[in-house]
Protein backbone atom coordinates (compact mmCIF):
# COMPACT_ATOMS: atom_id res chain seq x y z
CA MET A 1 -9.84 -17.32 24.37
CA TYR A 2 -11.41 -16.57 21.03
CA GLU A 3 -14.98 -17.51 20.22
CA LYS A 4 -16.83 -18.12 16.97
CA HIS A 5 -18.03 -14.51 16.63
CA ASP A 6 -14.42 -13.26 17.05
CA ILE A 7 -13.28 -15.41 14.15
CA GLU A 8 -16.24 -14.25 12.05
CA GLU A 9 -15.29 -10.61 12.67
CA MET A 10 -11.66 -11.32 11.74
CA LEU A 11 -12.70 -13.03 8.51
CA LYS A 12 -15.01 -10.16 7.57
CA ALA A 13 -12.27 -7.58 8.22
CA TYR A 14 -9.53 -9.57 6.49
CA LEU A 15 -9.71 -8.14 2.95
CA LEU A 16 -9.88 -4.52 4.09
CA SER A 17 -7.09 -5.07 6.61
CA LYS A 18 -4.91 -6.75 3.99
CA SER A 19 -5.39 -3.85 1.57
CA GLN A 20 -4.68 -1.25 4.25
CA LEU A 21 -1.57 -3.15 5.31
CA GLU A 22 -0.27 -3.24 1.73
CA GLU A 23 -0.86 0.51 1.40
CA LEU A 24 0.98 1.25 4.65
CA GLU A 25 3.89 -1.00 3.69
CA SER A 26 4.08 0.76 0.32
CA LYS A 27 4.31 4.14 2.07
CA ILE A 28 6.98 2.84 4.45
CA GLU A 29 9.01 1.49 1.52
CA LYS A 30 8.73 4.81 -0.33
CA ASN A 31 9.95 6.70 2.75
CA ASN A 32 12.82 4.23 3.19
CA ILE A 33 13.94 4.85 -0.39
CA LEU A 34 13.85 8.62 0.18
CA LEU A 35 15.88 8.17 3.36
CA LYS A 36 18.36 5.91 1.57
CA TYR A 37 19.15 8.50 -1.09
CA ASP A 38 19.20 11.49 1.27
CA GLY A 39 22.48 13.39 0.98
CA THR A 40 23.63 11.68 -2.21
CA GLU A 41 25.06 13.96 -4.84
CA PHE A 42 24.40 13.85 -8.54
CA GLU A 43 26.39 15.77 -11.11
CA GLU A 44 24.96 16.57 -14.52
CA THR A 45 27.02 17.27 -17.58
CA GLU A 46 27.27 20.87 -18.78
CA ALA A 47 25.14 20.08 -21.82
CA GLU A 48 22.34 18.55 -19.70
CA THR A 49 22.35 21.49 -17.29
CA ILE A 50 22.28 24.10 -20.06
CA GLU A 51 19.54 22.24 -21.90
CA GLY A 52 17.46 22.02 -18.73
CA MET A 53 17.88 25.72 -18.02
CA VAL A 54 17.03 26.75 -21.59
CA LEU A 55 13.92 24.56 -21.70
CA LYS A 56 12.47 26.05 -18.51
CA SER A 57 9.53 28.31 -19.10
CA PRO A 58 10.04 31.86 -17.85
CA MET A 59 8.69 32.64 -14.41
CA ILE A 60 6.32 35.56 -13.97
CA SER A 61 8.78 37.08 -11.50
CA ASP A 62 11.50 37.05 -14.20
CA ILE A 63 9.49 39.16 -16.63
CA PRO A 64 10.17 42.92 -16.30
CA LYS A 65 7.20 44.84 -14.93
CA SER A 66 8.04 48.37 -16.01
CA LYS A 67 10.37 50.33 -18.30
CA THR A 68 12.78 51.05 -15.46
CA ASN A 69 13.34 47.35 -14.58
CA LYS A 70 16.46 45.76 -15.88
CA LYS A 71 15.91 43.64 -18.94
CA SER A 72 16.04 39.90 -18.50
CA ASN A 73 18.10 37.95 -20.96
CA PRO A 74 17.59 34.19 -20.53
CA THR A 75 20.64 33.32 -22.61
CA GLU A 76 22.83 35.57 -20.50
CA ASN A 77 21.39 34.08 -17.30
CA VAL A 78 22.13 30.54 -18.48
CA ALA A 79 25.69 31.45 -19.46
CA LEU A 80 26.40 33.06 -16.09
CA THR A 81 24.71 30.60 -13.74
CA TYR A 82 24.83 27.11 -15.26
CA LYS A 83 27.92 26.08 -13.23
CA GLU A 84 25.96 26.57 -10.01
CA ASN A 85 23.38 24.04 -11.23
CA LEU A 86 25.79 21.23 -12.14
CA LYS A 87 25.64 19.52 -8.73
CA HIS A 88 22.43 18.38 -7.09
CA THR A 89 22.16 17.04 -3.56
CA ASN A 90 19.16 14.94 -2.66
CA GLU A 91 17.61 16.43 0.43
CA ALA A 92 14.87 14.83 2.48
CA ASP A 93 13.33 15.81 5.77
CA LYS A 94 14.73 12.86 7.73
CA ILE A 95 12.84 13.54 10.94
CA LYS A 96 9.51 13.87 9.13
CA LEU A 97 10.07 10.67 7.13
CA MET A 98 11.19 8.71 10.19
CA ASN A 99 8.19 9.93 12.20
CA GLU A 100 5.87 8.97 9.34
CA ASN A 101 7.41 5.49 9.26
CA ILE A 102 6.88 5.10 13.01
CA ARG A 103 3.27 6.21 12.66
CA TYR A 104 2.71 3.88 9.68
CA ASN A 105 4.30 0.95 11.55
CA ASN A 106 2.07 1.58 14.57
CA LYS A 107 -0.99 1.49 12.32
CA ALA A 108 0.29 -1.57 10.44
CA GLU A 109 1.06 -3.76 13.47
CA PRO A 110 -2.56 -4.66 14.38
CA LEU A 111 -3.31 -5.20 10.69
CA ARG A 112 -0.34 -7.56 10.38
CA ASP A 113 -1.49 -9.43 13.46
CA LEU A 114 -5.03 -9.86 12.11
CA THR A 115 -4.00 -10.93 8.61
CA GLU A 116 -1.43 -13.40 9.93
CA LYS A 117 -3.98 -14.97 12.30
CA VAL A 118 -6.54 -15.35 9.51
CA GLU A 119 -3.95 -16.85 7.15
CA ARG A 120 -2.83 -19.36 9.81
CA MET A 121 -6.42 -20.38 10.49
CA LEU A 122 -7.19 -20.80 6.80
CA LYS A 123 -4.12 -23.04 6.35
CA ALA A 124 -5.71 -25.62 8.64
CA LEU A 125 -8.82 -25.96 6.46
CA ASN A 126 -9.32 -28.25 3.50
CA ASN A 127 -10.19 -26.79 0.10
CA GLU A 128 -13.93 -27.31 0.51
CA GLN A 129 -13.96 -25.51 3.87
CA LYS A 130 -11.76 -22.70 2.56
CA LEU A 131 -14.07 -22.12 -0.38
CA ILE A 132 -17.14 -21.87 1.85
CA VAL A 133 -15.50 -19.70 4.53
CA LYS A 134 -13.91 -17.31 2.04
CA SER A 135 -17.01 -17.11 -0.13
CA TYR A 136 -19.31 -16.37 2.79
CA TYR A 137 -17.20 -14.16 5.06
CA MET A 138 -14.90 -12.39 2.65
CA TYR A 139 -16.88 -11.93 -0.54
CA GLU A 140 -20.64 -12.47 -0.41
CA GLN A 141 -22.55 -12.91 2.81
CA LYS A 142 -25.43 -14.76 1.21
CA TRP A 143 -25.73 -18.51 1.26
CA ASN A 144 -27.25 -18.59 -2.23
CA TYR A 145 -24.04 -17.12 -3.67
CA VAL A 146 -21.92 -19.56 -1.67
CA SER A 147 -24.05 -22.43 -2.98
CA ILE A 148 -23.54 -21.26 -6.57
CA ALA A 149 -19.78 -20.91 -6.03
CA TYR A 150 -19.61 -24.38 -4.50
CA THR A 151 -21.58 -25.87 -7.40
CA ASP A 152 -19.33 -24.12 -9.93
CA VAL A 153 -16.19 -25.57 -8.36
CA TYR A 154 -17.32 -29.05 -7.33
CA LYS A 155 -20.09 -29.61 -9.92
CA ILE A 156 -22.36 -31.00 -7.18
CA PRO A 157 -25.38 -29.09 -5.92
CA ILE A 158 -25.45 -28.80 -2.15
CA THR A 159 -28.06 -27.44 0.26
CA ILE A 160 -27.58 -24.40 2.43
CA ASN A 161 -27.81 -26.53 5.58
CA GLN A 162 -24.98 -28.74 4.29
CA LEU A 163 -22.92 -25.61 3.59
CA LYS A 164 -23.56 -24.36 7.11
CA ASN A 165 -22.49 -27.72 8.57
CA ILE A 166 -19.22 -27.58 6.62
CA ARG A 167 -18.77 -23.98 7.79
CA ASN A 168 -19.36 -25.00 11.42
CA THR A 169 -16.75 -27.75 11.12
CA ALA A 170 -14.33 -25.21 9.64
CA MET A 171 -15.05 -22.83 12.55
CA GLN A 172 -14.23 -25.57 15.05
CA THR A 173 -10.94 -26.23 13.26
CA MET A 174 -10.08 -22.53 13.25
CA LEU A 175 -10.93 -22.26 16.96
CA LYS A 176 -8.52 -25.12 17.65
CA VAL A 177 -5.79 -23.29 15.72
CA ILE A 178 -6.20 -19.91 17.37
CA ASN A 179 -6.96 -21.10 20.93
CA ILE A 180 -3.96 -23.39 21.31
């Protein structure tokens, strides 16, 4: 059975949990895309391959270090080796990516649970209650700010005690939702 302080903690943690969940889901999606294209082959045209090889900047290891080293001729190297570079195979470390996804999913599960609970509880509230609960628990934990937000939306000034009464009613509704 949940109590009022449990709901308050969930509401306070909601925005951070939602952001963390989105970040984890983004990482999972990125890994899934890498896994999807693993092993696919791509073949460039001869012109694209040669252009890519010519435009590469020379590596330090390719530059001769002494008079006895063989001379490096980039044009000759391109002419002799471009056919090897025509085909590319996408390679991904499948085990690493799958383990990362498992780890990300394990971290995401409690976050999903929390955000879904909060969203279900908020659905049961009317607009006035939602405004007060979100303003106080998720954004600014000062009743003066909540009062200003309420006045901006509803154009009626309201006391802090009235706001707290509306909040308490909202808490009772949320308790009914979560403790069914």
